[in-house]
């Protein structure tokens, strides 16, 4: 019989967090610094409002370079 797995045993108890108004470039630096691949987006009260992944950030940054767009914010990706 297979032993039960608990999510708690695999989850990160101290994830890197983001705000919706944070610049995508800043979010990418947080990913690089912490070596995490995703994290919660929280509001000013610490309430979860979304999730941001490293692949979301990379895709947006590549688009911005290709199309010569300005700085995007996390709220456009979450």
Protein backbone atom coordinates (compact mmCIF):
# COMPACT_ATOMS: atom_id res chain seq x y z
CA UNK A 1 0.00 0.00 0.00
CA UNK A 2 1.25 3.47 -0.89
CA UNK A 3 2.13 5.77 1.98
CA UNK A 4 0.11 8.99 2.12
CA UNK A 5 1.92 12.08 0.95
CA UNK A 6 1.28 15.40 2.63
CA UNK A 7 1.62 18.65 0.72
CA UNK A 8 2.91 20.26 3.88
CA UNK A 9 6.06 18.15 3.62
CA UNK A 10 6.87 19.60 0.17
CA UNK A 11 5.67 23.17 0.34
CA UNK A 12 7.90 26.18 0.92
CA UNK A 13 6.94 27.73 4.25
CA UNK A 14 8.79 30.98 3.45
CA UNK A 15 8.11 31.75 -0.22
CA UNK A 16 9.28 34.85 -2.01
CA UNK A 17 6.29 37.18 -2.34
CA UNK A 18 5.34 39.85 -4.84
CA UNK A 19 3.00 42.83 -4.95
CA UNK A 20 0.72 43.61 -7.88
CA UNK A 21 2.40 46.97 -8.52
CA UNK A 22 5.95 45.55 -8.52
CA UNK A 23 7.89 45.93 -11.78
CA UNK A 24 8.49 42.70 -13.68
CA UNK A 25 12.23 43.40 -13.62
CA UNK A 26 12.19 43.51 -9.81
CA UNK A 27 10.22 40.26 -9.71
CA UNK A 28 12.81 38.60 -11.96
CA UNK A 29 15.61 39.70 -9.63
CA UNK A 30 13.76 38.16 -6.69
CA UNK A 31 13.48 34.87 -8.55
CA UNK A 32 17.21 34.93 -9.34
CA UNK A 33 18.18 35.82 -5.79
CA UNK A 34 16.00 33.18 -4.10
CA UNK A 35 16.25 30.45 -6.78
CA UNK A 36 12.49 29.91 -6.55
CA UNK A 37 10.33 29.39 -9.62
CA UNK A 38 7.07 30.88 -8.41
CA UNK A 39 5.42 32.71 -5.59
CA UNK A 40 2.26 34.33 -4.29
CA UNK A 41 1.18 37.87 -5.15
CA UNK A 42 -0.18 39.57 -2.05
CA UNK A 43 -2.02 42.82 -1.36
CA UNK A 44 -1.11 45.43 1.28
CA UNK A 45 -2.83 43.33 3.96
CA UNK A 46 -0.91 40.17 3.10
CA UNK A 47 -3.93 38.57 1.43
CA UNK A 48 -3.30 36.28 -1.53
CA UNK A 49 -4.49 37.85 -4.80
CA UNK A 50 -2.61 35.80 -7.39
CA UNK A 51 0.42 33.75 -8.29
CA UNK A 52 3.47 34.61 -10.38
CA UNK A 53 5.78 32.12 -12.04
CA UNK A 54 9.29 32.51 -13.35
CA UNK A 55 8.10 31.46 -16.81
CA UNK A 56 5.46 34.24 -16.78
CA UNK A 57 8.19 36.79 -16.07
CA UNK A 58 10.59 35.42 -18.68
CA UNK A 59 7.92 35.39 -21.39
CA UNK A 60 6.92 39.00 -20.65
CA UNK A 61 10.52 40.18 -20.60
CA UNK A 62 11.21 38.52 -23.96
CA UNK A 63 8.08 40.11 -25.44
CA UNK A 64 9.07 43.51 -24.05
CA UNK A 65 12.52 43.26 -25.62
CA UNK A 66 11.16 42.07 -28.97
CA UNK A 67 8.36 44.64 -29.19
CA UNK A 68 10.34 47.40 -27.41
CA UNK A 69 7.64 47.77 -24.77
CA UNK A 70 7.95 49.65 -21.51
CA UNK A 71 8.14 48.26 -18.01
CA UNK A 72 5.31 45.91 -17.10
CA UNK A 73 3.95 45.29 -13.63
CA UNK A 74 3.20 42.02 -11.90
CA UNK A 75 -0.57 42.63 -12.07
CA UNK A 76 -0.42 42.17 -15.87
CA UNK A 77 1.00 38.66 -15.47
CA UNK A 78 -0.56 37.05 -12.40
